[in-house]
Amino acid sequence: QVQLVESGGGSVQAGESLRLSCAASGISLSIHDMGWYRQAPGKQRELVAAITSGGSTDYADSVKGRFTISRDNAKETVWLQMNSLKPEDTARYYCNADATLLGGRRLEVWGQGTLVTVSS
């Protein structure tokens, strides 16, 4: 089994920065794509940033130029550096991983989420 644990959320003023971390634990043959999603009150959960095992990245238009996703495959950890935060970035942020377990089973795993609040 694989589990994800997020950390690094908090309350900041607009223009400030936060760095979120997501650590995977458990046994897997490999972890493929990893990503960060967010969900604000009354909104659908949306993709913020994603990264493949090879380092290819994808970002939501609303965060391009401000957020950076990175990972360390050996440590099975992914980070989200969030700069120039805006009030509209306020949401609970969730880590996601696509893993292949021993035996070939494909599994999608979600973390419990970490809250980010940005005040004007």
N, C-alpha and C. Protein backbone atom coordinates (compact mmCIF):
# COMPACT_ATOMS: atom_id res chain seq x y z
N GLN A 1 0.83 -1.18 0.00
CA GLN A 1 0.00 0.00 0.00
C GLN A 1 0.88 1.25 0.00
N VAL A 2 0.32 2.34 -0.52
CA VAL A 2 1.00 3.62 -0.57
C VAL A 2 0.14 4.66 0.12
N GLN A 3 0.76 5.50 0.93
CA GLN A 3 0.07 6.60 1.59
C GLN A 3 0.79 7.91 1.31
N LEU A 4 0.04 9.01 1.27
CA LEU A 4 0.58 10.34 1.05
C LEU A 4 0.25 11.23 2.22
N VAL A 5 1.23 12.01 2.67
CA VAL A 5 1.03 12.94 3.77
C VAL A 5 1.52 14.31 3.35
N GLU A 6 0.61 15.31 3.36
CA GLU A 6 0.95 16.68 3.01
C GLU A 6 1.30 17.50 4.25
N SER A 7 2.10 18.54 4.05
CA SER A 7 2.42 19.47 5.11
C SER A 7 2.83 20.80 4.49
N GLY A 8 2.87 21.84 5.31
CA GLY A 8 3.35 23.13 4.86
C GLY A 8 2.28 24.19 4.68
N GLY A 9 1.03 23.84 4.82
CA GLY A 9 -0.03 24.83 4.69
C GLY A 9 -0.05 25.80 5.85
N GLY A 10 -0.79 26.88 5.69
CA GLY A 10 -0.88 27.88 6.73
C GLY A 10 -1.59 29.12 6.24
N SER A 11 -1.54 30.17 7.05
CA SER A 11 -2.18 31.45 6.73
C SER A 11 -1.11 32.50 6.46
N VAL A 12 -1.24 33.18 5.31
CA VAL A 12 -0.28 34.20 4.91
C VAL A 12 -1.00 35.39 4.32
N GLN A 13 -0.26 36.49 4.17
CA GLN A 13 -0.78 37.68 3.50
C GLN A 13 -0.53 37.59 2.00
N ALA A 14 -1.33 38.27 1.22
CA ALA A 14 -1.14 38.31 -0.22
C ALA A 14 0.28 38.77 -0.55
N GLY A 15 0.88 38.11 -1.53
CA GLY A 15 2.24 38.42 -1.93
C GLY A 15 3.30 37.56 -1.27
N GLU A 16 2.94 36.87 -0.22
CA GLU A 16 3.89 36.02 0.49
C GLU A 16 3.97 34.64 -0.16
N SER A 17 4.80 33.77 0.41
CA SER A 17 5.07 32.47 -0.17
C SER A 17 4.86 31.34 0.83
N LEU A 18 4.58 30.17 0.30
CA LEU A 18 4.50 28.94 1.07
C LEU A 18 5.10 27.81 0.24
N ARG A 19 5.59 26.80 0.92
CA ARG A 19 6.09 25.61 0.24
C ARG A 19 5.41 24.38 0.84
N LEU A 20 4.65 23.68 0.03
CA LEU A 20 3.97 22.47 0.45
C LEU A 20 4.82 21.25 0.15
N SER A 21 4.74 20.26 1.03
CA SER A 21 5.47 19.01 0.85
C SER A 21 4.50 17.84 0.89
N CYS A 22 4.82 16.81 0.14
CA CYS A 22 4.02 15.59 0.12
C CYS A 22 4.98 14.41 0.10
N ALA A 23 4.90 13.59 1.12
CA ALA A 23 5.77 12.43 1.24
C ALA A 23 4.98 11.14 1.07
N ALA A 24 5.46 10.27 0.20
CA ALA A 24 4.84 8.98 -0.02
C ALA A 24 5.52 7.91 0.82
N SER A 25 4.74 7.00 1.33
CA SER A 25 5.28 5.89 2.10
C SER A 25 4.57 4.61 1.71
N GLY A 26 5.26 3.50 1.86
CA GLY A 26 4.68 2.22 1.49
C GLY A 26 5.51 1.54 0.41
N ILE A 27 4.96 0.48 -0.12
CA ILE A 27 5.67 -0.31 -1.11
C ILE A 27 5.01 -0.16 -2.47
N SER A 28 5.79 0.17 -3.47
CA SER A 28 5.30 0.27 -4.83
C SER A 28 6.43 -0.09 -5.79
N LEU A 29 6.05 -0.59 -6.93
CA LEU A 29 7.04 -0.87 -7.96
C LEU A 29 7.60 0.44 -8.51
N SER A 30 6.71 1.40 -8.74
CA SER A 30 7.11 2.71 -9.21
C SER A 30 5.96 3.70 -9.01
N ILE A 31 6.32 4.97 -8.89
CA ILE A 31 5.34 6.04 -8.83
C ILE A 31 5.48 6.87 -10.10
N HIS A 32 4.40 7.01 -10.82
CA HIS A 32 4.42 7.71 -12.09
C HIS A 32 4.13 9.20 -11.87
N ASP A 33 3.00 9.68 -12.37
CA ASP A 33 2.67 11.08 -12.18
C ASP A 33 2.34 11.39 -10.73
N MET A 34 2.74 12.57 -10.29
CA MET A 34 2.32 13.11 -9.00
C MET A 34 1.80 14.51 -9.24
N GLY A 35 0.91 14.96 -8.39
CA GLY A 35 0.36 16.28 -8.61
C GLY A 35 -0.25 16.89 -7.37
N TRP A 36 -0.56 18.17 -7.51
CA TRP A 36 -1.26 18.92 -6.47
C TRP A 36 -2.59 19.40 -7.01
N TYR A 37 -3.63 19.17 -6.25
CA TYR A 37 -4.97 19.65 -6.55
C TYR A 37 -5.40 20.57 -5.42
N ARG A 38 -6.41 21.38 -5.67
CA ARG A 38 -6.95 22.22 -4.61
C ARG A 38 -8.46 22.30 -4.74
N GLN A 39 -9.10 22.55 -3.62
CA GLN A 39 -10.54 22.70 -3.58
C GLN A 39 -10.90 23.82 -2.63
N ALA A 40 -11.55 24.85 -3.15
CA ALA A 40 -12.03 25.97 -2.37
C ALA A 40 -13.49 25.75 -2.02
N PRO A 41 -14.00 26.42 -0.98
CA PRO A 41 -15.40 26.26 -0.61
C PRO A 41 -16.33 26.56 -1.79
N GLY A 42 -17.25 25.66 -2.06
CA GLY A 42 -18.20 25.84 -3.14
C GLY A 42 -17.64 25.59 -4.53
N LYS A 43 -16.42 25.12 -4.62
CA LYS A 43 -15.79 24.89 -5.91
C LYS A 43 -15.44 23.41 -6.11
N GLN A 44 -15.25 23.03 -7.36
CA GLN A 44 -14.80 21.70 -7.70
C GLN A 44 -13.30 21.58 -7.44
N ARG A 45 -12.85 20.38 -7.14
CA ARG A 45 -11.43 20.15 -7.00
C ARG A 45 -10.77 20.31 -8.37
N GLU A 46 -9.66 21.03 -8.42
CA GLU A 46 -9.01 21.32 -9.68
C GLU A 46 -7.52 21.01 -9.61
N LEU A 47 -6.96 20.65 -10.75
CA LEU A 47 -5.52 20.41 -10.84
C LEU A 47 -4.77 21.73 -10.77
N VAL A 48 -3.77 21.78 -9.91
CA VAL A 48 -2.91 22.94 -9.78
C VAL A 48 -1.61 22.73 -10.55
N ALA A 49 -0.96 21.60 -10.32
CA ALA A 49 0.31 21.29 -10.97
C ALA A 49 0.53 19.79 -10.95
N ALA A 50 1.22 19.29 -11.96
CA ALA A 50 1.52 17.86 -12.05
C ALA A 50 2.94 17.68 -12.55
N ILE A 51 3.54 16.55 -12.19
CA ILE A 51 4.90 16.25 -12.62
C ILE A 51 5.05 14.75 -12.82
N THR A 52 5.68 14.36 -13.92
CA THR A 52 5.92 12.96 -14.20
C THR A 52 7.20 12.50 -13.51
N SER A 53 7.44 11.19 -13.54
CA SER A 53 8.65 10.66 -12.94
C SER A 53 9.90 11.18 -13.66
N GLY A 54 9.74 11.58 -14.92
CA GLY A 54 10.85 12.12 -15.68
C GLY A 54 11.05 13.61 -15.53
N GLY A 55 10.15 14.28 -14.80
CA GLY A 55 10.31 15.69 -14.54
C GLY A 55 9.50 16.63 -15.41
N SER A 56 8.70 16.10 -16.31
CA SER A 56 7.84 16.94 -17.13
C SER A 56 6.72 17.52 -16.26
N THR A 57 6.43 18.81 -16.42
CA THR A 57 5.46 19.49 -15.56
C THR A 57 4.31 20.08 -16.34
N ASP A 58 3.22 20.31 -15.63
CA ASP A 58 2.04 20.94 -16.18
C ASP A 58 1.40 21.77 -15.08
N TYR A 59 0.91 22.97 -15.44
CA TYR A 59 0.34 23.89 -14.47
C TYR A 59 -0.99 24.43 -14.93
N ALA A 60 -1.85 24.73 -13.97
CA ALA A 60 -3.05 25.47 -14.28
C ALA A 60 -2.68 26.88 -14.72
N ASP A 61 -3.45 27.44 -15.64
CA ASP A 61 -3.14 28.78 -16.14
C ASP A 61 -3.09 29.81 -15.01
N SER A 62 -3.91 29.63 -14.01
CA SER A 62 -4.01 30.61 -12.93
C SER A 62 -2.77 30.68 -12.05
N VAL A 63 -1.90 29.66 -12.11
CA VAL A 63 -0.72 29.64 -11.25
C VAL A 63 0.59 29.68 -12.02
N LYS A 64 0.54 29.66 -13.33
CA LYS A 64 1.76 29.68 -14.13
C LYS A 64 2.58 30.94 -13.83
N GLY A 65 3.86 30.74 -13.63
CA GLY A 65 4.75 31.84 -13.30
C GLY A 65 4.85 32.13 -11.83
N ARG A 66 3.95 31.57 -11.03
CA ARG A 66 3.96 31.79 -9.59
C ARG A 66 4.27 30.52 -8.80
N PHE A 67 3.79 29.38 -9.27
CA PHE A 67 3.97 28.11 -8.57
C PHE A 67 4.98 27.24 -9.31
N THR A 68 5.72 26.43 -8.56
CA THR A 68 6.66 25.48 -9.14
C THR A 68 6.53 24.14 -8.44
N ILE A 69 6.35 23.09 -9.22
CA ILE A 69 6.28 21.75 -8.67
C ILE A 69 7.62 21.04 -8.91
N SER A 70 8.06 20.25 -7.95
CA SER A 70 9.30 19.51 -8.08
C SER A 70 9.18 18.20 -7.32
N ARG A 71 10.09 17.26 -7.60
CA ARG A 71 10.04 15.97 -6.92
C ARG A 71 11.42 15.36 -6.80
N ASP A 72 11.53 14.45 -5.86
CA ASP A 72 12.72 13.65 -5.67
C ASP A 72 12.26 12.21 -5.72
N ASN A 73 12.55 11.52 -6.81
CA ASN A 73 12.06 10.16 -6.98
C ASN A 73 12.63 9.20 -5.94
N ALA A 74 13.88 9.39 -5.57
CA ALA A 74 14.50 8.51 -4.59
C ALA A 74 13.83 8.64 -3.23
N LYS A 75 13.43 9.86 -2.88
CA LYS A 75 12.76 10.10 -1.60
C LYS A 75 11.25 9.97 -1.70
N GLU A 76 10.75 9.80 -2.91
CA GLU A 76 9.31 9.71 -3.16
C GLU A 76 8.57 10.89 -2.52
N THR A 77 9.08 12.08 -2.80
CA THR A 77 8.53 13.30 -2.25
C THR A 77 8.29 14.31 -3.36
N VAL A 78 7.20 15.06 -3.25
CA VAL A 78 6.90 16.12 -4.20
C VAL A 78 6.63 17.41 -3.42
N TRP A 79 7.05 18.54 -3.98
CA TRP A 79 6.87 19.84 -3.35
C TRP A 79 6.11 20.77 -4.29
N LEU A 80 5.47 21.75 -3.70
CA LEU A 80 4.84 22.83 -4.45
C LEU A 80 5.27 24.15 -3.84
N GLN A 81 6.13 24.87 -4.55
CA GLN A 81 6.55 26.20 -4.13
C GLN A 81 5.55 27.21 -4.64
N MET A 82 4.94 27.96 -3.75
CA MET A 82 3.90 28.91 -4.11
C MET A 82 4.37 30.31 -3.76
N ASN A 83 4.61 31.12 -4.78
CA ASN A 83 5.05 32.50 -4.61
C ASN A 83 3.95 33.46 -5.04
N SER A 84 4.07 34.70 -4.58
CA SER A 84 3.12 35.75 -4.95
C SER A 84 1.68 35.29 -4.75
N LEU A 85 1.41 34.74 -3.60
CA LEU A 85 0.09 34.18 -3.33
C LEU A 85 -0.99 35.26 -3.36
N LYS A 86 -2.15 34.86 -3.84
CA LYS A 86 -3.31 35.72 -3.97
C LYS A 86 -4.46 35.17 -3.13
N PRO A 87 -5.40 36.01 -2.74
CA PRO A 87 -6.55 35.51 -1.97
C PRO A 87 -7.29 34.38 -2.69
N GLU A 88 -7.34 34.41 -4.01
CA GLU A 88 -8.03 33.36 -4.75
C GLU A 88 -7.31 32.02 -4.72
N ASP A 89 -6.09 31.99 -4.18
CA ASP A 89 -5.39 30.73 -3.99
C ASP A 89 -5.84 30.00 -2.73
N THR A 90 -6.65 30.64 -1.92
CA THR A 90 -7.14 30.03 -0.70
C THR A 90 -7.92 28.76 -1.01
N ALA A 91 -7.50 27.64 -0.42
CA ALA A 91 -8.12 26.35 -0.68
C ALA A 91 -7.43 25.29 0.17
N ARG A 92 -8.03 24.11 0.19
CA ARG A 92 -7.33 22.97 0.74
C ARG A 92 -6.59 22.30 -0.42
N TYR A 93 -5.32 22.04 -0.23
CA TYR A 93 -4.47 21.48 -1.27
C TYR A 93 -4.21 20.00 -0.99
N TYR A 94 -4.40 19.18 -2.03
CA TYR A 94 -4.28 17.74 -1.92
C TYR A 94 -3.17 17.22 -2.82
N CYS A 95 -2.41 16.29 -2.30
CA CYS A 95 -1.39 15.60 -3.07
C CYS A 95 -1.99 14.35 -3.70
N ASN A 96 -1.54 14.02 -4.90
CA ASN A 96 -2.04 12.86 -5.63
C ASN A 96 -0.86 12.12 -6.26
N ALA A 97 -0.94 10.80 -6.28
CA ALA A 97 0.10 10.00 -6.92
C ALA A 97 -0.52 8.84 -7.67
N ASP A 98 0.08 8.51 -8.80
CA ASP A 98 -0.31 7.37 -9.62
C ASP A 98 0.80 6.34 -9.49
N ALA A 99 0.50 5.21 -8.87
CA ALA A 99 1.52 4.23 -8.55
C ALA A 99 1.21 2.86 -9.14
N THR A 100 2.26 2.13 -9.47
CA THR A 100 2.14 0.73 -9.86
C THR A 100 2.73 -0.12 -8.75
N LEU A 101 1.92 -1.01 -8.21
CA LEU A 101 2.35 -1.87 -7.12
C LEU A 101 3.05 -3.11 -7.65
N LEU A 102 3.73 -3.80 -6.77
CA LEU A 102 4.32 -5.08 -7.13
C LEU A 102 3.20 -6.01 -7.60
N GLY A 103 3.40 -6.64 -8.74
CA GLY A 103 2.38 -7.48 -9.33
C GLY A 103 1.64 -6.80 -10.46
N GLY A 104 1.85 -5.50 -10.63
CA GLY A 104 1.29 -4.78 -11.76
C GLY A 104 0.02 -4.00 -11.51
N ARG A 105 -0.49 -4.00 -10.29
CA ARG A 105 -1.72 -3.27 -10.00
C ARG A 105 -1.46 -1.76 -10.03
N ARG A 106 -2.30 -1.03 -10.75
CA ARG A 106 -2.22 0.41 -10.84
C ARG A 106 -3.14 1.04 -9.80
N LEU A 107 -2.64 2.03 -9.07
CA LEU A 107 -3.39 2.60 -7.96
C LEU A 107 -3.21 4.11 -7.91
N GLU A 108 -4.31 4.83 -7.73
CA GLU A 108 -4.28 6.27 -7.51
C GLU A 108 -4.48 6.54 -6.03
N VAL A 109 -3.61 7.37 -5.46
CA VAL A 109 -3.61 7.63 -4.03
C VAL A 109 -3.76 9.13 -3.77
N TRP A 110 -4.56 9.48 -2.78
CA TRP A 110 -4.77 10.87 -2.37
C TRP A 110 -4.33 11.08 -0.94
N GLY A 111 -3.78 12.26 -0.66
CA GLY A 111 -3.46 12.65 0.70
C GLY A 111 -4.68 13.26 1.37
N GLN A 112 -4.53 13.62 2.63
CA GLN A 112 -5.65 14.14 3.41
C GLN A 112 -5.88 15.63 3.20
N GLY A 113 -4.92 16.32 2.61
CA GLY A 113 -5.04 17.74 2.33
C GLY A 113 -4.40 18.62 3.38
N THR A 114 -3.98 19.82 2.96
CA THR A 114 -3.45 20.82 3.87
C THR A 114 -4.03 22.17 3.47
N LEU A 115 -4.46 22.95 4.46
CA LEU A 115 -5.19 24.18 4.20
C LEU A 115 -4.25 25.36 3.98
N VAL A 116 -4.53 26.13 2.93
CA VAL A 116 -3.81 27.36 2.62
C VAL A 116 -4.80 28.51 2.62
N THR A 117 -4.53 29.53 3.43
CA THR A 117 -5.39 30.70 3.50
C THR A 117 -4.56 31.95 3.20
N VAL A 118 -5.01 32.74 2.23
CA VAL A 118 -4.30 33.95 1.82
C VAL A 118 -5.21 35.15 2.05
N SER A 119 -4.75 36.09 2.86
CA SER A 119 -5.53 37.27 3.20
C SER A 119 -5.01 38.48 2.43
N SER A 120 -5.92 39.38 2.06
CA SER A 120 -5.55 40.59 1.34
C SER A 120 -5.08 41.67 2.30
